[in-house]
Amino acid sequence: MYRLFKTIDNYKCENHLHQVANTRQRIALTKLRLSSHKLAKETGCYSKPLKKPAERICPICKIEMEDEYHFLNICPANQEKRCSLLDYLEKEYRIKISRMSPNMFLINPPSGKC
């Protein structure tokens, strides 16, 4: 996941470390960015017996592997919260976020936007 938004040219202090004032939210966002979370993608790596990637299915919707992308963009269990968050960001900060792929914005927000 981390390689999707981090390149060798931009190794620096991340915007979210200064922009997200709530410590618990900042820690949660950092864990999500670093794949240090409790989604099935990671917990399956440490289960006994070890689960193959295809077996690390979302325990809520059972549609596909529960990874960061699924959690942020696909899982129907998060649909209401996802829409509410995107509506808030669009109204409060006048940011147009694609409904199809908000994950890059949520994981790596542009400077000064939230």
C-alpha atoms as a PDB file:
ATOM      1  CA  MET A   1       0.000   0.000   0.000  1.00  0.00           C
ATOM      2  CA  TYR A   2       2.721   2.436   0.978  1.00  0.00           C
ATOM      3  CA  ARG A   3       4.359   2.260  -2.439  1.00  0.00           C
ATOM      4  CA  LEU A   4       1.151   3.574  -4.045  1.00  0.00           C
ATOM      5  CA  PHE A   5       1.655   7.071  -2.685  1.00  0.00           C
ATOM      6  CA  LYS A   6       5.291   7.290  -1.613  1.00  0.00           C
ATOM      7  CA  THR A   7       8.144   7.808  -4.051  1.00  0.00           C
ATOM      8  CA  ILE A   8      11.861   8.212  -3.578  1.00  0.00           C
ATOM      9  CA  ASP A   9      11.550  11.903  -4.472  1.00  0.00           C
ATOM     10  CA  ASN A  10       9.253  12.829  -1.619  1.00  0.00           C
ATOM     11  CA  TYR A  11      10.695  11.283   1.531  1.00  0.00           C
ATOM     12  CA  LYS A  12       9.793  13.997   3.988  1.00  0.00           C
ATOM     13  CA  CYS A  13       7.570  14.604   6.976  1.00  0.00           C
ATOM     14  CA  GLU A  14       4.036  13.792   5.860  1.00  0.00           C
ATOM     15  CA  ASN A  15       1.295  16.429   5.777  1.00  0.00           C
ATOM     16  CA  HIS A  16      -1.092  14.431   7.941  1.00  0.00           C
ATOM     17  CA  LEU A  17       1.357  14.572  10.848  1.00  0.00           C
ATOM     18  CA  HIS A  18       0.743  18.325  11.081  1.00  0.00           C
ATOM     19  CA  GLN A  19      -2.781  18.588   9.677  1.00  0.00           C
ATOM     20  CA  VAL A  20      -4.627  16.030  11.829  1.00  0.00           C
ATOM     21  CA  ALA A  21      -4.824  17.550  15.293  1.00  0.00           C
ATOM     22  CA  ASN A  22      -6.568  14.631  17.018  1.00  0.00           C
ATOM     23  CA  THR A  23      -3.817  12.258  18.186  1.00  0.00           C
ATOM     24  CA  ARG A  24      -5.963   9.108  17.983  1.00  0.00           C
ATOM     25  CA  GLN A  25      -7.008   9.929  14.411  1.00  0.00           C
ATOM     26  CA  ARG A  26      -3.414  10.705  13.428  1.00  0.00           C
ATOM     27  CA  ILE A  27      -2.225   7.375  14.842  1.00  0.00           C
ATOM     28  CA  ALA A  28      -5.039   5.488  13.063  1.00  0.00           C
ATOM     29  CA  LEU A  29      -4.193   7.162   9.756  1.00  0.00           C
ATOM     30  CA  THR A  30      -0.495   6.396  10.196  1.00  0.00           C
ATOM     31  CA  LYS A  31      -1.254   2.738  10.968  1.00  0.00           C
ATOM     32  CA  LEU A  32      -3.416   2.512   7.860  1.00  0.00           C
ATOM     33  CA  ARG A  33      -0.663   4.055   5.724  1.00  0.00           C
ATOM     34  CA  LEU A  34       1.936   1.643   7.083  1.00  0.00           C
ATOM     35  CA  SER A  35      -0.248  -1.500   7.012  1.00  0.00           C
ATOM     36  CA  SER A  36       0.028  -1.766  10.772  1.00  0.00           C
ATOM     37  CA  HIS A  37      -3.663  -2.374  11.366  1.00  0.00           C
ATOM     38  CA  LYS A  38      -6.123  -5.152  12.123  1.00  0.00           C
ATOM     39  CA  LEU A  39      -7.534  -5.659   8.641  1.00  0.00           C
ATOM     40  CA  ALA A  40      -7.619  -9.269   7.434  1.00  0.00           C
ATOM     41  CA  LYS A  41      -4.786  -8.540   4.994  1.00  0.00           C
ATOM     42  CA  GLU A  42      -2.397  -8.218   7.949  1.00  0.00           C
ATOM     43  CA  THR A  43      -3.962 -10.439  10.605  1.00  0.00           C
ATOM     44  CA  GLY A  44      -3.926 -13.363   8.153  1.00  0.00           C
ATOM     45  CA  CYS A  45      -0.129 -13.118   8.011  1.00  0.00           C
ATOM     46  CA  TYR A  46       0.093 -13.976  11.693  1.00  0.00           C
ATOM     47  CA  SER A  47      -2.730 -16.488  12.080  1.00  0.00           C
ATOM     48  CA  LYS A  48      -2.090 -20.172  12.699  1.00  0.00           C
ATOM     49  CA  PRO A  49      -2.335 -21.794  10.295  1.00  0.00           C
ATOM     50  CA  LEU A  50      -1.174 -19.003   8.005  1.00  0.00           C
ATOM     51  CA  LYS A  51      -3.968 -17.775   5.722  1.00  0.00           C
ATOM     52  CA  LYS A  52      -3.264 -17.422   2.027  1.00  0.00           C
ATOM     53  CA  PRO A  53      -4.055 -13.960   0.601  1.00  0.00           C
ATOM     54  CA  ALA A  54      -7.169 -15.325  -1.133  1.00  0.00           C
ATOM     55  CA  GLU A  55      -8.447 -16.495   2.279  1.00  0.00           C
ATOM     56  CA  ARG A  56      -8.137 -13.101   3.978  1.00  0.00           C
ATOM     57  CA  ILE A  57     -11.717 -12.135   3.174  1.00  0.00           C
ATOM     58  CA  CYS A  58     -13.514  -9.186   4.783  1.00  0.00           C
ATOM     59  CA  PRO A  59     -15.378 -10.638   7.783  1.00  0.00           C
ATOM     60  CA  ILE A  60     -18.219  -8.149   7.365  1.00  0.00           C
ATOM     61  CA  CYS A  61     -19.180  -8.216   3.687  1.00  0.00           C
ATOM     62  CA  LYS A  62     -17.345 -11.380   2.614  1.00  0.00           C
ATOM     63  CA  ILE A  63     -16.867  -9.916  -0.892  1.00  0.00           C
ATOM     64  CA  GLU A  64     -13.080  -9.891  -1.232  1.00  0.00           C
ATOM     65  CA  MET A  65      -9.788  -9.524   0.634  1.00  0.00           C
ATOM     66  CA  GLU A  66     -10.011  -6.948   3.386  1.00  0.00           C
ATOM     67  CA  ASP A  67      -7.158  -4.576   2.587  1.00  0.00           C
ATOM     68  CA  GLU A  68      -6.819  -0.803   2.805  1.00  0.00           C
ATOM     69  CA  TYR A  69      -8.409  -0.219  -0.586  1.00  0.00           C
ATOM     70  CA  HIS A  70     -11.383  -2.445   0.224  1.00  0.00           C
ATOM     71  CA  PHE A  71     -11.812  -0.823   3.652  1.00  0.00           C
ATOM     72  CA  LEU A  72     -11.761   2.737   2.262  1.00  0.00           C
ATOM     73  CA  ASN A  73     -13.534   2.295  -1.070  1.00  0.00           C
ATOM     74  CA  ILE A  74     -15.601  -0.863  -1.400  1.00  0.00           C
ATOM     75  CA  CYS A  75     -16.891  -2.407   1.815  1.00  0.00           C
ATOM     76  CA  PRO A  76     -20.650  -1.777   2.047  1.00  0.00           C
ATOM     77  CA  ALA A  77     -20.369  -1.712   5.845  1.00  0.00           C
ATOM     78  CA  ASN A  78     -18.506   1.607   5.553  1.00  0.00           C
ATOM     79  CA  GLN A  79     -20.668   3.128   2.797  1.00  0.00           C
ATOM     80  CA  GLU A  80     -22.664   5.514   4.984  1.00  0.00           C
ATOM     81  CA  LYS A  81     -19.610   6.802   6.859  1.00  0.00           C
ATOM     82  CA  ARG A  82     -17.635   7.071   3.617  1.00  0.00           C
ATOM     83  CA  CYS A  83     -20.331   9.174   1.937  1.00  0.00           C
ATOM     84  CA  SER A  84     -20.747  11.344   5.018  1.00  0.00           C
ATOM     85  CA  LEU A  85     -17.005  11.988   5.216  1.00  0.00           C
ATOM     86  CA  LEU A  86     -16.688  12.816   1.521  1.00  0.00           C
ATOM     87  CA  ASP A  87     -19.709  15.145   1.681  1.00  0.00           C
ATOM     88  CA  TYR A  88     -18.173  16.927   4.671  1.00  0.00           C
ATOM     89  CA  LEU A  89     -14.812  17.339   2.950  1.00  0.00           C
ATOM     90  CA  GLU A  90     -16.437  18.659  -0.201  1.00  0.00           C
ATOM     91  CA  LYS A  91     -18.639  21.159   1.689  1.00  0.00           C
ATOM     92  CA  GLU A  92     -16.178  22.260   4.354  1.00  0.00           C
ATOM     93  CA  TYR A  93     -13.035  22.447   2.233  1.00  0.00           C
ATOM     94  CA  ARG A  94     -14.550  22.768  -1.262  1.00  0.00           C
ATOM     95  CA  ILE A  95     -12.552  19.756  -2.404  1.00  0.00           C
ATOM     96  CA  LYS A  96     -13.909  17.665  -5.251  1.00  0.00           C
ATOM     97  CA  ILE A  97     -13.053  14.066  -4.479  1.00  0.00           C
ATOM     98  CA  SER A  98     -13.837  11.295  -6.929  1.00  0.00           C
ATOM     99  CA  ARG A  99     -16.437   8.978  -5.397  1.00  0.00           C
ATOM    100  CA  MET A 100     -14.759   6.099  -7.178  1.00  0.00           C
ATOM    101  CA  SER A 101     -11.326   6.438  -5.599  1.00  0.00           C
ATOM    102  CA  PRO A 102     -11.089   8.573  -2.440  1.00  0.00           C
ATOM    103  CA  ASN A 103      -8.401   6.350  -0.935  1.00  0.00           C
ATOM    104  CA  MET A 104      -5.427   8.375  -2.148  1.00  0.00           C
ATOM    105  CA  PHE A 105      -6.922  11.580  -0.773  1.00  0.00           C
ATOM    106  CA  LEU A 106      -7.738  10.003   2.592  1.00  0.00           C
ATOM    107  CA  ILE A 107      -4.322   8.423   2.940  1.00  0.00           C
ATOM    108  CA  ASN A 108      -2.251  11.280   1.526  1.00  0.00           C
ATOM    109  CA  PRO A 109      -4.222  14.565   1.633  1.00  0.00           C
ATOM    110  CA  PRO A 110      -2.914  17.557  -0.279  1.00  0.00           C
ATOM    111  CA  SER A 111      -1.066  20.187   1.725  1.00  0.00           C
ATOM    112  CA  GLY A 112      -3.253  22.659   3.592  1.00  0.00           C
ATOM    113  CA  LYS A 113      -6.578  21.051   2.653  1.00  0.00           C
ATOM    114  CA  CYS A 114      -7.626  19.348   5.879  1.00  0.00           C
END
